[in-house]
Amino acid sequence: MEEEEENMSFLGHLEELRWRLVKAVIAVLLVAIVVFIFRQEIIDTLFIKLKSGEFPTFKLACEWFGICFEDVKINFQNTALAGQFGTSIKMALVGGFIGAFPFVFYQIWGFVKPGLKKNERKSFRGITFFISILFFIGVLFGYYVIAPLTVNFLGNFLLTENAKNDLIISDFISTIISTIILTGVIFLLPVFILIFSKIGIITSDFLKKYRKHSIVVVLLLAAIITPPDVFTQIIVTIPIMFLYEFGIFIAKRIEKKRRAAELKQ
């Protein structure tokens, strides 16, 4: 009987996971449909505008720091019959995931949460809001800082004056999407530190000890998601290191609460 109950319990968990995944997929698809319907407006106002010298980031840089940018002289083309349709689907799905991210994470957390102890649930209270805010800040940072600088640098770079930049539209959009998603994930660094600290895998002393090593890793990440110029890499590195230091603060708080709980016992 006990084996049957355990088996039923396991099947019950699988059923719950299935329904939560179904709900998450439906939410992503609903937002994706909206993105697909307004794909032309999104492409023109969010993607193509990145090459304009009037992009908000460039205008602020010109007004505040006197660093002005000209329009990037690139043209777009499509070389595959289903290229534009496939790109529209990909953009819609990514947009659906970004738009439905809080709900998607809420479903995942709803499945994991019952397996935690009562005190652990309290310590993770509000995690869906916290993670969603960090993810969206990362996405916005990627779009308004990294993406325009990437387009400006790579779009203006010429191997020879005899070669002009006629880009495949799918490659351009994929580059922007990858940059935005990767930046959004990187901004979840404090959450990863929080989870690993709770589990006991890492400590604040460990993070302090390898602070210098982390700077090297962050610089490598910045080199991957940004164009190869030092200025942009520094811009990306600063907020990530700030998040790293914030992670150390979180780890300290967790260790302090753990010691206090041990003293009460």
Protein backbone atom coordinates (compact mmCIF):
# COMPACT_ATOMS: atom_id res chain seq x y z
CA MET A 1 0.00 0.00 0.00
CA GLU A 2 2.80 2.43 0.91
CA GLU A 3 4.50 1.73 -2.41
CA GLU A 4 1.23 2.42 -4.25
CA GLU A 5 0.76 5.69 -2.32
CA GLU A 6 4.32 6.79 -3.13
CA ASN A 7 3.74 5.84 -6.77
CA MET A 8 0.46 7.78 -6.85
CA SER A 9 2.19 10.71 -5.17
CA PHE A 10 4.91 10.65 -7.83
CA LEU A 11 2.33 10.47 -10.62
CA GLY A 12 0.41 13.29 -8.94
CA HIS A 13 3.53 15.47 -8.99
CA LEU A 14 4.05 14.69 -12.66
CA GLU A 15 0.44 15.61 -13.39
CA GLU A 16 0.82 18.90 -11.50
CA LEU A 17 4.06 19.66 -13.37
CA ARG A 18 2.37 18.90 -16.69
CA TRP A 19 -0.51 21.28 -16.02
CA ARG A 20 1.79 24.02 -14.79
CA LEU A 21 3.90 23.68 -17.94
CA VAL A 22 0.73 23.74 -20.06
CA LYS A 23 -0.38 26.97 -18.36
CA ALA A 24 3.07 28.51 -18.88
CA VAL A 25 3.12 27.54 -22.58
CA ILE A 26 -0.39 28.93 -23.09
CA ALA A 27 0.64 32.24 -21.50
CA VAL A 28 3.72 32.45 -23.74
CA LEU A 29 1.66 31.64 -26.84
CA LEU A 30 -1.01 34.24 -26.01
CA VAL A 31 1.60 36.99 -25.71
CA ALA A 32 3.41 35.60 -28.78
CA ILE A 33 0.22 35.92 -30.84
CA VAL A 34 -0.06 39.59 -29.90
CA VAL A 35 3.62 40.12 -30.81
CA PHE A 36 3.09 38.35 -34.14
CA ILE A 37 0.04 40.49 -34.99
CA PHE A 38 2.01 43.70 -34.35
CA ARG A 39 5.29 42.34 -35.76
CA GLN A 40 5.77 45.12 -38.32
CA GLU A 41 5.33 47.89 -35.75
CA ILE A 42 7.67 46.07 -33.35
CA ILE A 43 10.35 45.56 -36.01
CA ASP A 44 10.20 49.19 -37.14
CA THR A 45 10.03 50.82 -33.71
CA LEU A 46 12.13 48.45 -31.58
CA PHE A 47 14.65 46.84 -33.91
CA ILE A 48 15.25 48.99 -36.99
CA LYS A 49 15.32 52.13 -34.85
CA LEU A 50 18.45 50.82 -33.12
CA LYS A 51 20.51 52.01 -36.09
CA SER A 52 19.16 55.55 -35.84
CA GLY A 53 21.24 58.35 -34.33
CA GLU A 54 17.97 59.56 -32.75
CA PHE A 55 17.66 56.44 -30.60
CA PRO A 56 16.98 57.56 -26.97
CA THR A 57 20.31 56.22 -25.69
CA PHE A 58 22.26 58.10 -28.35
CA LYS A 59 20.28 61.31 -27.78
CA LEU A 60 21.02 61.21 -24.04
CA ALA A 61 24.71 60.49 -24.69
CA CYS A 62 24.82 63.50 -27.01
CA GLU A 63 22.97 65.82 -24.61
CA TRP A 64 24.71 64.77 -21.40
CA PHE A 65 28.22 63.79 -22.47
CA GLY A 66 28.61 65.44 -25.88
CA ILE A 67 29.11 62.02 -27.51
CA CYS A 68 26.89 62.05 -30.58
CA PHE A 69 26.15 59.17 -32.93
CA GLU A 70 25.19 59.24 -36.59
CA ASP A 71 22.75 56.88 -38.29
CA VAL A 72 24.25 53.49 -39.06
CA LYS A 73 24.26 53.06 -42.82
CA ILE A 74 23.09 49.49 -43.23
CA ASN A 75 20.45 47.94 -45.45
CA PHE A 76 18.45 44.80 -44.75
CA GLN A 77 17.59 41.93 -47.05
CA ASN A 78 16.02 38.48 -46.94
CA THR A 79 17.67 35.55 -48.75
CA ALA A 80 15.35 32.66 -47.83
CA LEU A 81 11.78 32.08 -48.98
CA ALA A 82 10.54 31.40 -45.45
CA GLY A 83 13.13 33.66 -43.84
CA GLN A 84 10.85 36.52 -42.86
CA PHE A 85 8.10 34.20 -41.65
CA GLY A 86 10.53 32.13 -39.59
CA THR A 87 12.05 35.26 -38.09
CA SER A 88 8.58 36.55 -37.21
CA ILE A 89 7.77 33.29 -35.40
CA LYS A 90 11.06 33.36 -33.49
CA MET A 91 10.59 37.00 -32.51
CA ALA A 92 7.01 36.31 -31.41
CA LEU A 93 8.02 33.36 -29.22
CA VAL A 94 10.87 35.27 -27.58
CA GLY A 95 8.57 38.24 -27.04
CA GLY A 96 5.97 35.88 -25.61
CA PHE A 97 8.51 34.44 -23.17
CA ILE A 98 9.68 37.89 -22.04
CA GLY A 99 6.13 39.19 -21.65
CA ALA A 100 4.91 36.11 -19.80
CA PHE A 101 8.10 35.62 -17.77
CA PRO A 102 6.54 36.45 -14.34
CA PHE A 103 3.71 33.98 -14.93
CA VAL A 104 6.09 31.30 -16.26
CA PHE A 105 8.34 31.60 -13.22
CA TYR A 106 5.30 31.68 -10.93
CA GLN A 107 4.23 28.30 -12.32
CA ILE A 108 7.71 26.83 -11.86
CA TRP A 109 7.95 28.21 -8.33
CA GLY A 110 4.47 26.92 -7.53
CA PHE A 111 5.68 23.40 -8.34
CA VAL A 112 8.93 23.71 -6.33
CA LYS A 113 7.53 25.59 -3.30
CA PRO A 114 5.59 22.70 -1.64
CA GLY A 115 8.86 20.74 -1.37
CA LEU A 116 10.43 23.40 0.87
CA LYS A 117 10.22 23.67 4.64
CA LYS A 118 8.00 26.33 6.20
CA ASN A 119 10.92 28.58 7.21
CA GLU A 120 12.45 28.20 3.76
CA ARG A 121 9.20 29.32 2.14
CA LYS A 122 9.20 32.46 4.29
CA SER A 123 12.76 33.31 3.26
CA PHE A 124 11.78 33.03 -0.41
CA ARG A 125 8.67 35.17 -0.02
CA GLY A 126 8.25 37.58 -2.94
CA ILE A 127 10.83 35.76 -5.06
CA THR A 128 8.62 35.87 -8.18
CA PHE A 129 8.42 39.67 -7.98
CA PHE A 130 12.14 39.99 -7.21
CA ILE A 131 13.22 37.72 -10.07
CA SER A 132 10.82 39.36 -12.54
CA ILE A 133 12.10 42.85 -11.69
CA LEU A 134 15.75 41.78 -12.09
CA PHE A 135 14.98 40.02 -15.38
CA PHE A 136 13.14 43.01 -16.84
CA ILE A 137 15.89 45.41 -15.71
CA GLY A 138 18.39 43.16 -17.46
CA VAL A 139 16.28 43.08 -20.62
CA LEU A 140 15.92 46.88 -20.62
CA PHE A 141 19.65 47.31 -19.98
CA GLY A 142 20.41 44.96 -22.86
CA TYR A 143 18.03 46.80 -25.18
CA TYR A 144 18.84 50.41 -24.30
CA VAL A 145 22.58 50.07 -23.65
CA ILE A 146 24.19 46.97 -25.14
CA ALA A 147 22.06 46.51 -28.28
CA PRO A 148 22.40 50.07 -29.68
CA LEU A 149 26.14 50.17 -28.98
CA THR A 150 26.52 46.77 -30.64
CA VAL A 151 24.59 47.87 -33.73
CA ASN A 152 26.50 51.15 -33.93
CA PHE A 153 29.93 49.56 -33.60
CA LEU A 154 29.44 46.54 -35.84
CA GLY A 155 27.23 48.40 -38.32
CA ASN A 156 29.84 51.10 -38.87
CA PHE A 157 32.81 48.74 -38.95
CA LEU A 158 34.15 48.25 -42.46
CA LEU A 159 36.79 45.80 -43.60
CA THR A 160 37.23 47.88 -46.76
CA GLU A 161 35.46 50.87 -48.30
CA ASN A 162 34.59 48.64 -51.24
CA ALA A 163 32.28 46.51 -49.08
CA LYS A 164 28.95 47.79 -47.81
CA ASN A 165 26.81 46.31 -45.05
CA ASP A 166 23.72 44.67 -46.49
CA LEU A 167 22.55 42.53 -43.60
CA ILE A 168 20.22 39.56 -43.56
CA ILE A 169 17.29 40.74 -41.42
CA SER A 170 17.05 37.42 -39.55
CA ASP A 171 20.70 37.62 -38.45
CA PHE A 172 20.24 41.20 -37.24
CA ILE A 173 17.14 40.38 -35.19
CA SER A 174 18.69 37.17 -33.79
CA THR A 175 21.72 39.12 -32.58
CA ILE A 176 19.55 41.67 -30.78
CA ILE A 177 17.31 39.00 -29.26
CA SER A 178 20.27 36.92 -28.03
CA THR A 179 21.87 40.01 -26.47
CA ILE A 180 18.68 41.01 -24.65
CA ILE A 181 17.87 37.52 -23.32
CA LEU A 182 21.46 36.86 -22.19
CA THR A 183 21.59 40.18 -20.35
CA GLY A 184 18.26 39.44 -18.67
CA VAL A 185 19.59 36.08 -17.43
CA ILE A 186 22.88 37.60 -16.22
CA PHE A 187 20.96 40.10 -14.11
CA LEU A 188 19.51 37.15 -12.17
CA LEU A 189 22.95 36.65 -10.57
CA PRO A 190 21.79 37.72 -7.04
CA VAL A 191 19.00 35.14 -7.22
CA PHE A 192 21.45 32.35 -8.07
CA ILE A 193 23.65 33.46 -5.18
CA LEU A 194 20.59 33.49 -2.88
CA ILE A 195 19.63 29.94 -3.83
CA PHE A 196 23.17 28.55 -3.59
CA SER A 197 23.66 30.28 -0.23
CA LYS A 198 20.45 28.77 1.09
CA ILE A 199 21.55 25.33 -0.02
CA GLY A 200 24.98 25.89 1.50
CA ILE A 201 26.99 25.52 -1.70
CA ILE A 202 28.57 28.98 -1.45
CA THR A 203 29.28 31.45 1.35
CA SER A 204 30.03 35.17 1.55
CA ASP A 205 33.67 34.34 2.37
CA PHE A 206 33.86 32.22 -0.78
CA LEU A 207 32.46 35.06 -2.89
CA LYS A 208 34.91 37.55 -1.34
CA LYS A 209 37.85 35.20 -1.87
CA TYR A 210 37.11 34.82 -5.56
CA ARG A 211 36.07 38.43 -6.19
CA LYS A 212 39.11 39.08 -8.42
CA HIS A 213 38.45 35.89 -10.36
CA SER A 214 34.83 36.91 -10.82
CA ILE A 215 35.94 40.20 -12.41
CA VAL A 216 37.84 38.22 -15.06
CA VAL A 217 34.79 36.00 -15.70
CA VAL A 218 32.50 39.04 -15.96
CA LEU A 219 34.89 40.71 -18.42
CA LEU A 220 34.83 37.54 -20.54
CA LEU A 221 31.03 37.53 -20.47
CA ALA A 222 31.00 41.20 -21.40
CA ALA A 223 33.29 40.45 -24.32
CA ILE A 224 30.87 37.77 -25.53
CA ILE A 225 27.67 39.84 -25.42
CA THR A 226 29.16 43.17 -26.50
CA PRO A 227 31.16 44.44 -29.46
CA PRO A 228 34.95 44.26 -29.01
CA ASP A 229 35.53 47.72 -27.58
CA VAL A 230 36.68 48.44 -24.04
CA PHE A 231 34.13 51.20 -23.37
CA THR A 232 31.09 48.98 -23.92
CA GLN A 233 32.63 46.12 -21.94
CA ILE A 234 33.19 48.42 -18.96
CA ILE A 235 29.57 49.64 -19.17
CA VAL A 236 28.38 46.03 -19.00
CA THR A 237 30.88 44.97 -16.32
CA ILE A 238 29.95 47.69 -13.78
CA PRO A 239 26.30 46.67 -13.14
CA ILE A 240 27.18 42.96 -13.11
CA MET A 241 29.87 43.53 -10.46
CA PHE A 242 27.38 45.61 -8.50
CA LEU A 243 25.00 42.64 -8.61
CA TYR A 244 27.86 40.40 -7.47
CA GLU A 245 28.51 42.64 -4.46
CA PHE A 246 24.77 42.68 -3.75
CA GLY A 247 24.93 38.88 -3.84
CA ILE A 248 27.65 38.95 -1.16
CA PHE A 249 25.37 41.11 0.98
CA ILE A 250 22.54 38.59 0.52
CA ALA A 251 24.83 35.69 1.45
CA LYS A 252 25.89 37.53 4.63
CA ARG A 253 22.24 38.09 5.63
CA ILE A 254 21.46 34.41 5.11
CA GLU A 255 24.46 33.33 7.20
CA LYS A 256 23.52 35.78 9.96
CA LYS A 257 19.95 34.43 10.13
CA ARG A 258 21.25 30.85 10.08
CA ARG A 259 23.59 31.52 13.02
CA ALA A 260 20.78 33.23 14.96
CA ALA A 261 18.51 30.23 14.38
CA GLU A 262 21.24 27.84 15.55
CA LEU A 263 21.74 29.84 18.78
CA LYS A 264 18.02 29.64 19.57
CA GLN A 265 18.03 25.87 19.33
